Amino acid sequence: MSQPERGWHTMNMKGRSWLWSAQRYEAFYAANADDLVLFFARRVLDPQVALDLAAETLAQAFVSRQSFRGDDDVAARSWLYGIARHTLARYLRKGATERRAIERVGIDVPALSEEEHRRVEEQAGIEPLRAAVRAALQTTKPAQRDALRLRVVEERPYPEVAALLGVSEQTARARVSRGLRSLAAALELQGLSKEELA
C-alpha cells in the first residue's frame, strides 16, 4: 500500500536567511516539516492546529537559530523537536497557538483543504487515538472526567471550571491533574506509550 502524498507544509518563508545557507535550511525544512505536523497532530488531534504549531515551531527555530550549537542534521532535528515540545507545552497550558514567531519571521500558514485535513488525520492515526482517549476517559472518576471535560475539551479557565463544579480553584486544578494522570495510565494500558501521547 502506498503512502498518501504529503506536502501540506507549504508555508512560505519571506526572504530571510538562516544560520546555514538558504539551500541547507530549505533541505532541513523539507526533511522535517511533514513529520513535525504529524508529531503535533498525534498530540492535539486537530490537523489545522498541528499545522499552526509546526509553523510556530519552525518560525521559533528560525528566530532562535543563533542558539543552535550542533553541527549536523541529527543535532538540528533534536534541537527542533526540543522547540516543538516547548511549543506544545505552551499550547496545552494556554489553549491557544502563539503566533509571535510566525509573524516575526513572516510565515504564511495556509488553511488545510478537506483532502489535506483527511490525509493528516490518516497519517497521524488520529481516529484510533480519539477512540482510545474516549475509552480511557470512561475509566476516570466522574469528578475528574467532569473537570477534564470543562478544562481540556471546552477549554474553560480554571476559575470558571471551579465555579461550575462548585469547588475551589485549587481543587479544580487537582482534579484536572489527577484526571490527566489517570487518562495517561489508561492509555498506556491500551498500548499507547507516553512518547506517543506526550
Protein backbone atom coordinates (compact mmCIF):
# COMPACT_ATOMS: atom_id res chain seq x y z
CA MET A 1 0.00 0.00 0.00
CA SER A 2 1.49 3.32 -0.99
CA GLN A 3 1.72 6.24 1.40
CA PRO A 4 -0.62 9.16 0.69
CA GLU A 5 1.26 12.08 -0.78
CA ARG A 6 2.49 14.59 1.79
CA GLY A 7 3.12 18.26 1.34
CA TRP A 8 0.60 20.18 3.44
CA HIS A 9 3.53 22.08 4.92
CA THR A 10 3.90 24.58 2.08
CA MET A 11 4.38 27.60 4.34
CA ASN A 12 6.42 30.37 2.73
CA MET A 13 9.44 31.99 4.37
CA LYS A 14 9.66 35.64 3.28
CA GLY A 15 13.23 36.36 2.24
CA ARG A 16 15.10 35.71 5.50
CA SER A 17 18.44 34.00 5.85
CA TRP A 18 19.18 31.06 8.15
CA LEU A 19 22.36 30.49 10.11
CA TRP A 20 23.08 27.84 7.50
CA SER A 21 22.86 28.58 3.80
CA ALA A 22 19.39 29.13 2.38
CA GLN A 23 19.75 25.88 0.45
CA ARG A 24 20.66 23.93 3.61
CA TYR A 25 17.75 25.38 5.59
CA GLU A 26 15.38 24.60 2.73
CA ALA A 27 16.54 20.97 2.82
CA PHE A 28 16.24 20.90 6.64
CA TYR A 29 12.74 22.36 6.42
CA ALA A 30 11.65 19.92 3.70
CA ALA A 31 13.06 16.96 5.66
CA ASN A 32 11.26 17.88 8.88
CA ALA A 33 8.06 19.85 8.20
CA ASP A 34 5.74 16.93 7.39
CA ASP A 35 6.95 14.84 10.33
CA LEU A 36 6.57 17.86 12.61
CA VAL A 37 2.92 18.27 11.53
CA LEU A 38 2.32 14.57 12.32
CA PHE A 39 4.12 14.95 15.68
CA PHE A 40 1.65 17.68 16.67
CA ALA A 41 -1.41 16.03 15.06
CA ARG A 42 -0.95 12.91 17.21
CA ARG A 43 -0.84 15.08 20.31
CA VAL A 44 -3.57 17.67 19.68
CA LEU A 45 -5.81 15.53 17.42
CA ASP A 46 -6.52 18.51 15.16
CA PRO A 47 -4.66 18.82 11.83
CA GLN A 48 -5.10 22.59 11.44
CA VAL A 49 -3.85 23.26 14.98
CA ALA A 50 -0.98 20.84 14.25
CA LEU A 51 -0.06 22.85 11.15
CA ASP A 52 -0.14 26.11 13.16
CA LEU A 53 2.04 24.58 15.89
CA ALA A 54 4.51 23.25 13.30
CA ALA A 55 4.68 26.69 11.69
CA GLU A 56 5.28 28.36 15.06
CA THR A 57 7.99 25.79 15.86
CA LEU A 58 9.78 26.34 12.55
CA ALA A 59 9.50 30.10 12.98
CA GLN A 60 10.83 29.89 16.54
CA ALA A 61 13.73 27.76 15.27
CA PHE A 62 14.47 30.43 12.72
CA VAL A 63 14.26 33.25 15.26
CA SER A 64 16.47 31.43 17.77
CA ARG A 65 18.91 29.96 15.22
CA GLN A 66 21.84 31.67 16.96
CA SER A 67 21.35 29.32 19.93
CA PHE A 68 21.86 26.19 17.81
CA ARG A 69 25.22 24.68 18.76
CA GLY A 70 25.16 21.46 16.74
CA ASP A 71 26.96 20.71 13.55
CA ASP A 72 24.83 18.14 11.76
CA ASP A 73 21.27 17.28 10.78
CA VAL A 74 20.76 14.88 13.71
CA ALA A 75 21.62 17.60 16.21
CA ALA A 76 19.45 20.09 14.30
CA ARG A 77 16.48 17.69 14.36
CA SER A 78 16.88 17.11 18.12
CA TRP A 79 17.09 20.86 18.65
CA LEU A 80 13.96 21.39 16.52
CA TYR A 81 11.98 18.79 18.48
CA GLY A 82 13.05 20.39 21.74
CA ILE A 83 11.48 23.60 20.46
CA ALA A 84 8.43 21.58 19.37
CA ARG A 85 7.94 20.13 22.86
CA HIS A 86 8.09 23.63 24.38
CA THR A 87 5.64 24.93 21.76
CA LEU A 88 3.26 22.07 22.57
CA ALA A 89 3.55 22.68 26.31
CA ARG A 90 2.73 26.38 25.81
CA TYR A 91 -0.25 25.44 23.65
CA LEU A 92 -1.57 22.96 26.22
CA ARG A 93 -1.07 25.44 29.05
CA LYS A 94 -2.67 28.41 27.26
CA GLY A 95 -5.12 26.59 24.99
CA ALA A 96 -4.04 28.68 22.01
CA THR A 97 -1.27 28.77 19.46
CA GLU A 98 1.19 31.59 19.88
CA ARG A 99 1.89 33.29 16.58
CA ARG A 100 4.59 35.79 17.56
CA ALA A 101 7.43 33.97 15.83
CA ILE A 102 5.25 33.23 12.78
CA GLU A 103 4.52 36.95 12.41
CA ARG A 104 8.10 37.99 13.13
CA VAL A 105 9.55 35.65 10.52
CA GLY A 106 6.75 36.18 8.04
CA ILE A 107 5.49 32.65 7.53
CA ASP A 108 2.25 32.37 5.61
CA VAL A 109 0.36 29.42 7.14
CA PRO A 110 -2.26 28.12 4.72
CA ALA A 111 -5.58 26.64 5.78
CA LEU A 112 -5.74 22.93 5.11
CA SER A 113 -8.11 21.75 2.42
CA GLU A 114 -10.55 18.97 3.32
CA GLU A 115 -8.33 16.46 1.49
CA GLU A 116 -5.18 17.64 3.31
CA HIS A 117 -7.05 17.55 6.62
CA ARG A 118 -8.13 13.96 5.94
CA ARG A 119 -4.58 12.98 4.88
CA VAL A 120 -3.04 14.35 8.08
CA GLU A 121 -5.65 12.56 10.19
CA GLU A 122 -4.98 9.31 8.33
CA GLN A 123 -1.18 9.50 8.51
CA ALA A 124 -1.19 10.54 12.16
CA GLY A 125 -3.65 7.80 13.08
CA ILE A 126 -5.92 10.33 14.79
CA GLU A 127 -9.18 8.34 14.73
CA PRO A 128 -7.74 5.36 16.64
CA LEU A 129 -6.23 7.83 19.12
CA ARG A 130 -9.58 9.56 19.58
CA ALA A 131 -11.27 6.20 20.17
CA ALA A 132 -8.58 5.26 22.70
CA VAL A 133 -8.99 8.60 24.51
CA ARG A 134 -12.80 8.18 24.62
CA ALA A 135 -12.44 4.67 26.06
CA ALA A 136 -9.78 5.73 28.57
CA LEU A 137 -11.86 8.73 29.62
CA GLN A 138 -14.62 6.37 30.71
CA THR A 139 -12.21 4.80 33.22
CA THR A 140 -11.58 8.07 35.07
CA LYS A 141 -13.62 9.03 38.13
CA PRO A 142 -16.73 11.12 37.31
CA ALA A 143 -15.43 14.20 39.17
CA GLN A 144 -12.14 14.06 37.28
CA ARG A 145 -13.93 13.39 33.97
CA ASP A 146 -16.13 16.46 34.51
CA ALA A 147 -13.09 18.60 35.33
CA LEU A 148 -11.26 17.32 32.23
CA ARG A 149 -14.28 17.99 30.02
CA LEU A 150 -14.56 21.57 31.25
CA ARG A 151 -10.84 22.39 31.21
CA VAL A 152 -9.47 20.35 28.30
CA VAL A 153 -12.39 19.79 25.95
CA GLU A 154 -14.27 23.05 26.49
CA GLU A 155 -11.04 24.98 27.23
CA ARG A 156 -12.54 26.91 30.12
CA PRO A 157 -10.24 28.79 32.52
CA TYR A 158 -9.71 27.26 35.97
CA PRO A 159 -11.78 29.87 37.85
CA GLU A 160 -14.76 29.02 35.62
CA VAL A 161 -14.14 25.26 35.99
CA ALA A 162 -14.10 25.67 39.76
CA ALA A 163 -17.31 27.71 39.77
CA LEU A 164 -19.14 25.22 37.55
CA LEU A 165 -18.01 22.30 39.71
CA GLY A 166 -18.75 24.14 42.96
CA VAL A 167 -15.21 23.65 44.29
CA SER A 168 -12.16 25.81 44.92
CA GLU A 169 -9.79 26.59 42.06
CA GLN A 170 -7.11 24.50 43.77
CA THR A 171 -9.48 21.51 43.89
CA ALA A 172 -10.39 22.01 40.22
CA ARG A 173 -6.69 22.05 39.28
CA ALA A 174 -6.09 18.90 41.33
CA ARG A 175 -8.98 17.09 39.64
CA VAL A 176 -7.71 18.00 36.19
CA SER A 177 -4.18 16.92 37.10
CA ARG A 178 -5.32 13.61 38.58
CA GLY A 179 -7.66 13.05 35.66
CA LEU A 180 -4.84 13.59 33.15
CA ARG A 181 -2.64 11.13 35.05
CA SER A 182 -5.46 8.56 35.14
CA LEU A 183 -6.12 9.11 31.44
CA ALA A 184 -2.43 8.66 30.59
CA ALA A 185 -2.25 5.46 32.65
CA ALA A 186 -5.39 4.06 30.97
CA LEU A 187 -4.00 4.89 27.53
CA GLU A 188 -0.74 3.14 28.39
CA LEU A 189 -2.74 0.05 29.34
CA GLN A 190 -4.27 0.22 25.86
CA GLY A 191 -0.78 0.02 24.40
CA LEU A 192 -0.08 3.69 23.74
CA SER A 193 3.28 4.82 25.08
CA LYS A 194 3.92 8.11 26.85
CA GLU A 195 6.11 9.11 23.90
CA GLU A 196 3.15 8.71 21.53
CA LEU A 197 0.95 10.78 23.80
CA ALA A 198 3.35 13.44 25.11
